[in-house]
């Protein structure tokens, strides 16, 4: 699994994270992505597999995303 910040700002578009796991059919996996600002305007990501209880809690306590069409 990989994660890359897609941004028009070069220093942000360099931020990425990777992790590996073996997925099994019919199972649900929860991954957490965390963003860490650096000292020179750089950013780094952390991506890790979390347990089911923590994953369900984080999903339940997070707001839903809302998309808006570009104008």
Protein backbone atom coordinates (compact mmCIF):
# COMPACT_ATOMS: atom_id res chain seq x y z
CA UNK A 1 0.00 0.00 0.00
CA UNK A 2 1.38 3.40 -0.82
CA UNK A 3 0.28 6.94 -0.17
CA UNK A 4 1.42 10.08 -1.98
CA UNK A 5 0.24 13.63 -1.38
CA UNK A 6 -0.90 15.06 -4.70
CA UNK A 7 -0.23 18.78 -4.64
CA UNK A 8 0.83 21.51 -7.02
CA UNK A 9 3.34 22.58 -4.35
CA UNK A 10 6.56 20.69 -4.98
CA UNK A 11 7.56 20.37 -1.32
CA UNK A 12 4.22 18.74 -0.47
CA UNK A 13 4.10 16.45 -3.50
CA UNK A 14 7.29 14.73 -2.28
CA UNK A 15 5.52 13.37 0.84
CA UNK A 16 4.81 9.65 0.63
CA UNK A 17 4.54 6.52 2.78
CA UNK A 18 4.52 2.78 2.14
CA UNK A 19 3.59 -0.32 4.09
CA UNK A 20 2.98 -3.94 3.20
CA UNK A 21 0.55 -6.56 4.38
CA UNK A 22 -1.08 -9.67 3.00
CA UNK A 23 -4.75 -9.08 2.25
CA UNK A 24 -7.22 -11.95 2.49
CA UNK A 25 -10.56 -12.08 0.65
CA UNK A 26 -13.54 -11.06 2.76
CA UNK A 27 -11.51 -9.31 5.48
CA UNK A 28 -11.61 -5.61 6.35
CA UNK A 29 -8.37 -3.74 6.99
CA UNK A 30 -7.87 -0.37 8.63
CA UNK A 31 -4.87 1.75 7.79
CA UNK A 32 -3.97 5.03 9.45
CA UNK A 33 -2.20 7.81 7.60
CA UNK A 34 -0.55 10.55 9.65
CA UNK A 35 1.06 13.72 8.36
CA UNK A 36 4.09 15.26 10.04
CA UNK A 37 5.27 18.77 9.11
CA UNK A 38 9.03 19.16 8.80
CA UNK A 39 11.33 22.04 9.60
CA UNK A 40 11.87 23.41 6.08
CA UNK A 41 8.29 23.23 4.82
CA UNK A 42 8.68 19.54 3.99
CA UNK A 43 6.11 17.02 5.09
CA UNK A 44 6.30 13.30 5.74
CA UNK A 45 3.62 10.63 6.07
CA UNK A 46 3.35 7.59 8.27
CA UNK A 47 1.10 4.77 7.07
CA UNK A 48 0.40 1.80 9.30
CA UNK A 49 -2.04 -1.06 9.70
CA UNK A 50 -4.10 -0.71 12.88
CA UNK A 51 -6.24 -3.23 14.74
CA UNK A 52 -9.97 -3.58 14.06
CA UNK A 53 -11.15 -1.99 17.32
CA UNK A 54 -9.01 1.11 16.83
CA UNK A 55 -10.01 1.31 13.17
CA UNK A 56 -13.73 1.16 13.97
CA UNK A 57 -13.31 3.81 16.67
CA UNK A 58 -11.40 6.18 14.37
CA UNK A 59 -13.96 5.76 11.57
CA UNK A 60 -16.88 6.35 13.97
CA UNK A 61 -15.27 9.45 15.49
CA UNK A 62 -14.31 11.05 12.15
CA UNK A 63 -16.45 13.41 10.12
CA UNK A 64 -17.62 12.32 6.69
CA UNK A 65 -15.91 13.93 3.71
CA UNK A 66 -17.97 16.15 1.48
CA UNK A 67 -16.97 16.77 -2.12
CA UNK A 68 -17.72 19.90 -4.08
CA UNK A 69 -17.49 20.32 -7.87
CA UNK A 70 -14.79 22.64 -9.14
CA UNK A 71 -16.04 25.98 -10.37
